[in-house]
PDB file of N, CA and C in Angstrom:
ATOM      1  N   UNK A   1      -0.287  -4.225 -24.312  1.00  0.00           N
ATOM      2  CA  UNK A   1      -0.366  -5.492 -24.996  1.00  0.00           C
ATOM      3  C   UNK A   1      -1.207  -6.443 -24.149  1.00  0.00           C
ATOM      4  N   UNK A   2      -2.213  -7.103 -24.730  1.00  0.00           N
ATOM      5  CA  UNK A   2      -3.080  -7.992 -23.969  1.00  0.00           C
ATOM      6  C   UNK A   2      -2.315  -9.175 -23.404  1.00  0.00           C
ATOM      7  N   UNK A   3      -2.809  -9.684 -22.294  1.00  0.00           N
ATOM      8  CA  UNK A   3      -2.219 -10.850 -21.663  1.00  0.00           C
ATOM      9  C   UNK A   3      -2.731 -12.085 -22.387  1.00  0.00           C
ATOM     10  N   UNK A   4      -1.898 -12.750 -23.169  1.00  0.00           N
ATOM     11  CA  UNK A   4      -2.337 -13.818 -24.056  1.00  0.00           C
ATOM     12  C   UNK A   4      -2.692 -15.111 -23.330  1.00  0.00           C
ATOM     13  N   UNK A   5      -2.213 -15.328 -22.107  1.00  0.00           N
ATOM     14  CA  UNK A   5      -2.522 -16.573 -21.411  1.00  0.00           C
ATOM     15  C   UNK A   5      -3.816 -16.504 -20.614  1.00  0.00           C
ATOM     16  N   UNK A   6      -4.430 -15.353 -20.521  1.00  0.00           N
ATOM     17  CA  UNK A   6      -5.685 -15.200 -19.787  1.00  0.00           C
ATOM     18  C   UNK A   6      -6.857 -15.280 -20.764  1.00  0.00           C
ATOM     19  N   UNK A   7      -7.809 -16.162 -20.467  1.00  0.00           N
ATOM     20  CA  UNK A   7      -8.989 -16.299 -21.320  1.00  0.00           C
ATOM     21  C   UNK A   7      -9.950 -15.152 -21.058  1.00  0.00           C
ATOM     22  N   UNK A   8     -10.633 -14.733 -22.093  1.00  0.00           N
ATOM     23  CA  UNK A   8     -11.664 -13.711 -21.945  1.00  0.00           C
ATOM     24  C   UNK A   8     -12.889 -14.343 -21.285  1.00  0.00           C
ATOM     25  N   UNK A   9     -13.515 -13.606 -20.402  1.00  0.00           N
ATOM     26  CA  UNK A   9     -14.727 -14.084 -19.739  1.00  0.00           C
ATOM     27  C   UNK A   9     -15.925 -13.870 -20.642  1.00  0.00           C
ATOM     28  N   UNK A  10     -16.886 -14.776 -20.578  1.00  0.00           N
ATOM     29  CA  UNK A  10     -18.131 -14.504 -21.293  1.00  0.00           C
ATOM     30  C   UNK A  10     -18.761 -13.231 -20.739  1.00  0.00           C
ATOM     31  N   UNK A  11     -19.309 -12.383 -21.570  1.00  0.00           N
ATOM     32  CA  UNK A  11     -19.856 -11.105 -21.094  1.00  0.00           C
ATOM     33  C   UNK A  11     -20.888 -11.265 -19.987  1.00  0.00           C
ATOM     34  N   UNK A  12     -21.726 -12.281 -20.075  1.00  0.00           N
ATOM     35  CA  UNK A  12     -22.747 -12.453 -19.050  1.00  0.00           C
ATOM     36  C   UNK A  12     -22.147 -12.834 -17.702  1.00  0.00           C
ATOM     37  N   UNK A  13     -21.098 -13.659 -17.685  1.00  0.00           N
ATOM     38  CA  UNK A  13     -20.450 -14.034 -16.434  1.00  0.00           C
ATOM     39  C   UNK A  13     -19.750 -12.836 -15.817  1.00  0.00           C
ATOM     40  N   UNK A  14     -19.068 -12.046 -16.619  1.00  0.00           N
ATOM     41  CA  UNK A  14     -18.401 -10.852 -16.113  1.00  0.00           C
ATOM     42  C   UNK A  14     -19.417  -9.894 -15.502  1.00  0.00           C
ATOM     43  N   UNK A  15     -20.578  -9.776 -16.116  1.00  0.00           N
ATOM     44  CA  UNK A  15     -21.623  -8.894 -15.594  1.00  0.00           C
ATOM     45  C   UNK A  15     -22.154  -9.400 -14.261  1.00  0.00           C
ATOM     46  N   UNK A  16     -22.357 -10.706 -14.152  1.00  0.00           N
ATOM     47  CA  UNK A  16     -22.826 -11.293 -12.890  1.00  0.00           C
ATOM     48  C   UNK A  16     -21.800 -11.048 -11.798  1.00  0.00           C
ATOM     49  N   UNK A  17     -20.528 -11.334 -12.085  1.00  0.00           N
ATOM     50  CA  UNK A  17     -19.489 -11.129 -11.081  1.00  0.00           C
ATOM     51  C   UNK A  17     -19.412  -9.675 -10.644  1.00  0.00           C
ATOM     52  N   UNK A  18     -19.513  -8.751 -11.583  1.00  0.00           N
ATOM     53  CA  UNK A  18     -19.464  -7.332 -11.235  1.00  0.00           C
ATOM     54  C   UNK A  18     -20.645  -6.959 -10.351  1.00  0.00           C
ATOM     55  N   UNK A  19     -21.817  -7.424 -10.716  1.00  0.00           N
ATOM     56  CA  UNK A  19     -23.013  -7.110  -9.926  1.00  0.00           C
ATOM     57  C   UNK A  19     -22.896  -7.649  -8.498  1.00  0.00           C
ATOM     58  N   UNK A  20     -22.442  -8.901  -8.365  1.00  0.00           N
ATOM     59  CA  UNK A  20     -22.284  -9.506  -7.039  1.00  0.00           C
ATOM     60  C   UNK A  20     -21.211  -8.756  -6.247  1.00  0.00           C
ATOM     61  N   UNK A  21     -20.086  -8.475  -6.882  1.00  0.00           N
ATOM     62  CA  UNK A  21     -19.006  -7.742  -6.215  1.00  0.00           C
ATOM     63  C   UNK A  21     -19.495  -6.390  -5.697  1.00  0.00           C
ATOM     64  N   UNK A  22     -20.210  -5.658  -6.538  1.00  0.00           N
ATOM     65  CA  UNK A  22     -20.692  -4.330  -6.136  1.00  0.00           C
ATOM     66  C   UNK A  22     -21.672  -4.396  -4.974  1.00  0.00           C
ATOM     67  N   UNK A  23     -22.538  -5.397  -4.966  1.00  0.00           N
ATOM     68  CA  UNK A  23     -23.491  -5.529  -3.855  1.00  0.00           C
ATOM     69  C   UNK A  23     -22.775  -5.876  -2.555  1.00  0.00           C
ATOM     70  N   UNK A  24     -21.796  -6.768  -2.605  1.00  0.00           N
ATOM     71  CA  UNK A  24     -21.039  -7.108  -1.398  1.00  0.00           C
ATOM     72  C   UNK A  24     -20.282  -5.880  -0.910  1.00  0.00           C
ATOM     73  N   UNK A  25     -19.654  -5.158  -1.815  1.00  0.00           N
ATOM     74  CA  UNK A  25     -18.915  -3.950  -1.424  1.00  0.00           C
ATOM     75  C   UNK A  25     -19.851  -2.889  -0.843  1.00  0.00           C
ATOM     76  N   UNK A  26     -21.013  -2.715  -1.451  1.00  0.00           N
ATOM     77  CA  UNK A  26     -21.969  -1.707  -0.987  1.00  0.00           C
ATOM     78  C   UNK A  26     -22.453  -2.001   0.425  1.00  0.00           C
ATOM     79  N   UNK A  27     -22.777  -3.259   0.688  1.00  0.00           N
ATOM     80  CA  UNK A  27     -23.376  -3.627   1.971  1.00  0.00           C
ATOM     81  C   UNK A  27     -22.349  -4.118   2.990  1.00  0.00           C
ATOM     82  N   UNK A  28     -21.124  -4.364   2.532  1.00  0.00           N
ATOM     83  CA  UNK A  28     -20.068  -4.917   3.385  1.00  0.00           C
ATOM     84  C   UNK A  28     -20.542  -6.185   4.085  1.00  0.00           C
ATOM     85  N   UNK A  29     -21.328  -6.971   3.368  1.00  0.00           N
ATOM     86  CA  UNK A  29     -21.892  -8.196   3.927  1.00  0.00           C
ATOM     87  C   UNK A  29     -22.322  -9.122   2.788  1.00  0.00           C
ATOM     88  N   UNK A  30     -21.890 -10.369   2.868  1.00  0.00           N
ATOM     89  CA  UNK A  30     -22.331 -11.351   1.888  1.00  0.00           C
ATOM     90  C   UNK A  30     -23.807 -11.648   2.079  1.00  0.00           C
ATOM     91  N   UNK A  31     -24.249 -11.694   3.333  1.00  0.00           N
ATOM     92  CA  UNK A  31     -25.635 -12.030   3.640  1.00  0.00           C
ATOM     93  C   UNK A  31     -26.599 -10.961   3.144  1.00  0.00           C
ATOM     94  N   UNK A  32     -26.287  -9.696   3.407  1.00  0.00           N
ATOM     95  CA  UNK A  32     -27.166  -8.608   2.968  1.00  0.00           C
ATOM     96  C   UNK A  32     -27.134  -8.506   1.443  1.00  0.00           C
ATOM     97  N   UNK A  33     -25.967  -8.680   0.855  1.00  0.00           N
ATOM     98  CA  UNK A  33     -25.871  -8.674  -0.615  1.00  0.00           C
ATOM     99  C   UNK A  33     -26.732  -9.787  -1.205  1.00  0.00           C
ATOM    100  N   UNK A  34     -26.701 -10.951  -0.585  1.00  0.00           N
ATOM    101  CA  UNK A  34     -27.509 -12.077  -1.070  1.00  0.00           C
ATOM    102  C   UNK A  34     -28.994 -11.746  -1.011  1.00  0.00           C
ATOM    103  N   UNK A  35     -29.429 -11.152   0.084  1.00  0.00           N
ATOM    104  CA  UNK A  35     -30.842 -10.755   0.194  1.00  0.00           C
ATOM    105  C   UNK A  35     -31.214  -9.754  -0.890  1.00  0.00           C
ATOM    106  N   UNK A  36     -30.349  -8.786  -1.131  1.00  0.00           N
ATOM    107  CA  UNK A  36     -30.596  -7.771  -2.154  1.00  0.00           C
ATOM    108  C   UNK A  36     -30.710  -8.399  -3.541  1.00  0.00           C
ATOM    109  N   UNK A  37     -29.856  -9.389  -3.807  1.00  0.00           N
ATOM    110  CA  UNK A  37     -29.848 -10.053  -5.108  1.00  0.00           C
ATOM    111  C   UNK A  37     -30.925 -11.126  -5.233  1.00  0.00           C
ATOM    112  N   UNK A  38     -31.494 -11.536  -4.105  1.00  0.00           N
ATOM    113  CA  UNK A  38     -32.457 -12.625  -4.131  1.00  0.00           C
ATOM    114  C   UNK A  38     -31.785 -13.981  -4.240  1.00  0.00           C
ATOM    115  N   UNK A  39     -30.559 -14.070  -3.748  1.00  0.00           N
ATOM    116  CA  UNK A  39     -29.766 -15.291  -3.790  1.00  0.00           C
ATOM    117  C   UNK A  39     -29.553 -15.803  -2.376  1.00  0.00           C
ATOM    118  N   UNK A  40     -28.922 -16.976  -2.259  1.00  0.00           N
ATOM    119  CA  UNK A  40     -28.485 -17.460  -0.956  1.00  0.00           C
ATOM    120  C   UNK A  40     -27.096 -16.883  -0.670  1.00  0.00           C
ATOM    121  N   UNK A  41     -26.744 -16.864   0.599  1.00  0.00           N
ATOM    122  CA  UNK A  41     -25.419 -16.375   0.984  1.00  0.00           C
ATOM    123  C   UNK A  41     -24.337 -17.254   0.375  1.00  0.00           C
ATOM    124  N   UNK A  42     -24.576 -18.554   0.333  1.00  0.00           N
ATOM    125  CA  UNK A  42     -23.551 -19.456  -0.218  1.00  0.00           C
ATOM    126  C   UNK A  42     -23.352 -19.228  -1.719  1.00  0.00           C
ATOM    127  N   UNK A  43     -24.416 -18.876  -2.440  1.00  0.00           N
ATOM    128  CA  UNK A  43     -24.277 -18.584  -3.878  1.00  0.00           C
ATOM    129  C   UNK A  43     -23.428 -17.338  -4.088  1.00  0.00           C
ATOM    130  N   UNK A  44     -23.636 -16.323  -3.270  1.00  0.00           N
ATOM    131  CA  UNK A  44     -22.823 -15.102  -3.360  1.00  0.00           C
ATOM    132  C   UNK A  44     -21.370 -15.431  -3.029  1.00  0.00           C
ATOM    133  N   UNK A  45     -21.163 -16.198  -1.988  1.00  0.00           N
ATOM    134  CA  UNK A  45     -19.810 -16.579  -1.591  1.00  0.00           C
ATOM    135  C   UNK A  45     -19.105 -17.354  -2.702  1.00  0.00           C
ATOM    136  N   UNK A  46     -19.815 -18.276  -3.353  1.00  0.00           N
ATOM    137  CA  UNK A  46     -19.216 -19.042  -4.456  1.00  0.00           C
ATOM    138  C   UNK A  46     -18.855 -18.143  -5.639  1.00  0.00           C
ATOM    139  N   UNK A  47     -19.702 -17.183  -5.954  1.00  0.00           N
ATOM    140  CA  UNK A  47     -19.410 -16.274  -7.064  1.00  0.00           C
ATOM    141  C   UNK A  47     -18.200 -15.395  -6.756  1.00  0.00           C
ATOM    142  N   UNK A  48     -18.104 -14.905  -5.531  1.00  0.00           N
ATOM    143  CA  UNK A  48     -16.934 -14.101  -5.156  1.00  0.00           C
ATOM    144  C   UNK A  48     -15.678 -14.964  -5.184  1.00  0.00           C
ATOM    145  N   UNK A  49     -15.767 -16.211  -4.711  1.00  0.00           N
ATOM    146  CA  UNK A  49     -14.612 -17.120  -4.763  1.00  0.00           C
ATOM    147  C   UNK A  49     -14.200 -17.382  -6.205  1.00  0.00           C
ATOM    148  N   UNK A  50     -15.163 -17.548  -7.099  1.00  0.00           N
ATOM    149  CA  UNK A  50     -14.846 -17.767  -8.511  1.00  0.00           C
ATOM    150  C   UNK A  50     -14.184 -16.533  -9.114  1.00  0.00           C
ATOM    151  N   UNK A  51     -14.681 -15.366  -8.765  1.00  0.00           N
ATOM    152  CA  UNK A  51     -14.080 -14.119  -9.254  1.00  0.00           C
ATOM    153  C   UNK A  51     -12.660 -13.977  -8.730  1.00  0.00           C
ATOM    154  N   UNK A  52     -12.463 -14.244  -7.452  1.00  0.00           N
ATOM    155  CA  UNK A  52     -11.107 -14.181  -6.883  1.00  0.00           C
ATOM    156  C   UNK A  52     -10.172 -15.138  -7.621  1.00  0.00           C
ATOM    157  N   UNK A  53     -10.656 -16.341  -7.909  1.00  0.00           N
ATOM    158  CA  UNK A  53      -9.839 -17.311  -8.646  1.00  0.00           C
ATOM    159  C   UNK A  53      -9.484 -16.821 -10.038  1.00  0.00           C
ATOM    160  N   UNK A  54     -10.459 -16.223 -10.712  1.00  0.00           N
ATOM    161  CA  UNK A  54     -10.220 -15.712 -12.065  1.00  0.00           C
ATOM    162  C   UNK A  54      -9.235 -14.557 -12.075  1.00  0.00           C
ATOM    163  N   UNK A  55      -9.155 -13.849 -10.954  1.00  0.00           N
ATOM    164  CA  UNK A  55      -8.254 -12.692 -10.862  1.00  0.00           C
ATOM    165  C   UNK A  55      -6.919 -13.038 -10.225  1.00  0.00           C
ATOM    166  N   UNK A  56      -6.651 -14.314 -10.031  1.00  0.00           N
ATOM    167  CA  UNK A  56      -5.342 -14.715  -9.527  1.00  0.00           C
ATOM    168  C   UNK A  56      -5.332 -15.308  -8.136  1.00  0.00           C
ATOM    169  N   UNK A  57      -6.477 -15.378  -7.488  1.00  0.00           N
ATOM    170  CA  UNK A  57      -6.548 -16.048  -6.194  1.00  0.00           C
ATOM    171  C   UNK A  57      -6.479 -15.175  -4.963  1.00  0.00           C
ATOM    172  N   UNK A  58      -6.172 -13.910  -5.124  1.00  0.00           N
ATOM    173  CA  UNK A  58      -6.107 -13.028  -3.955  1.00  0.00           C
ATOM    174  C   UNK A  58      -7.506 -12.670  -3.489  1.00  0.00           C
ATOM    175  N   UNK A  59      -7.721 -12.627  -2.162  1.00  0.00           N
ATOM    176  CA  UNK A  59      -9.046 -12.262  -1.663  1.00  0.00           C
ATOM    177  C   UNK A  59      -9.395 -10.813  -1.999  1.00  0.00           C
ATOM    178  N   UNK A  60     -10.643 -10.590  -2.364  1.00  0.00           N
ATOM    179  CA  UNK A  60     -11.119  -9.245  -2.673  1.00  0.00           C
ATOM    180  C   UNK A  60     -11.676  -8.560  -1.428  1.00  0.00           C
ATOM    181  N   UNK A  61     -12.058  -9.358  -0.443  1.00  0.00           N
ATOM    182  CA  UNK A  61     -12.635  -8.826   0.787  1.00  0.00           C
ATOM    183  C   UNK A  61     -11.988  -9.508   1.976  1.00  0.00           C
ATOM    184  N   UNK A  62     -11.865  -8.791   3.074  1.00  0.00           N
ATOM    185  CA  UNK A  62     -11.480  -9.392   4.346  1.00  0.00           C
ATOM    186  C   UNK A  62     -12.741  -9.985   4.940  1.00  0.00           C
ATOM    187  N   UNK A  63     -12.765 -11.300   5.124  1.00  0.00           N
ATOM    188  CA  UNK A  63     -13.936 -11.923   5.722  1.00  0.00           C
ATOM    189  C   UNK A  63     -13.833 -11.779   7.238  1.00  0.00           C
ATOM    190  N   UNK A  64     -14.822 -11.134   7.831  1.00  0.00           N
ATOM    191  CA  UNK A  64     -14.854 -10.866   9.258  1.00  0.00           C
ATOM    192  C   UNK A  64     -16.090 -11.544   9.851  1.00  0.00           C
ATOM    193  N   UNK A  65     -16.116 -11.784  11.176  1.00  0.00           N
ATOM    194  CA  UNK A  65     -17.268 -12.440  11.779  1.00  0.00           C
ATOM    195  C   UNK A  65     -18.594 -11.693  11.542  1.00  0.00           C
ATOM    196  N   UNK A  66     -18.541 -10.398  11.460  1.00  0.00           N
ATOM    197  CA  UNK A  66     -19.761  -9.593  11.263  1.00  0.00           C
ATOM    198  C   UNK A  66     -19.659  -8.753  10.002  1.00  0.00           C
ATOM    199  N   UNK A  67     -19.495  -9.415   8.871  1.00  0.00           N
ATOM    200  CA  UNK A  67     -19.416  -8.679   7.614  1.00  0.00           C
ATOM    201  C   UNK A  67     -18.050  -8.813   6.976  1.00  0.00           C
ATOM    202  N   UNK A  68     -17.781  -7.959   6.036  1.00  0.00           N
ATOM    203  CA  UNK A  68     -16.499  -7.988   5.349  1.00  0.00           C
ATOM    204  C   UNK A  68     -16.075  -6.565   5.062  1.00  0.00           C
ATOM    205  N   UNK A  69     -14.827  -6.414   4.776  1.00  0.00           N
ATOM    206  CA  UNK A  69     -14.314  -5.077   4.513  1.00  0.00           C
ATOM    207  C   UNK A  69     -13.415  -5.057   3.327  1.00  0.00           C
TER     208      UNK A  69
END
């Protein structure tokens, strides 16, 4: 049964979040993911923060001084 209190994401936003998430996971780095996407590191960080918020607020990555895991 669908969760009725959760709004559906616009398809384009869900696609952007998935793409950003996959690049961060692949490179284990927000900075390298940003370079790959042609974005700034802060833009990638904001998109991941927005995705985390949409999914309930739990962090998706451990932020470490030299990358993430």
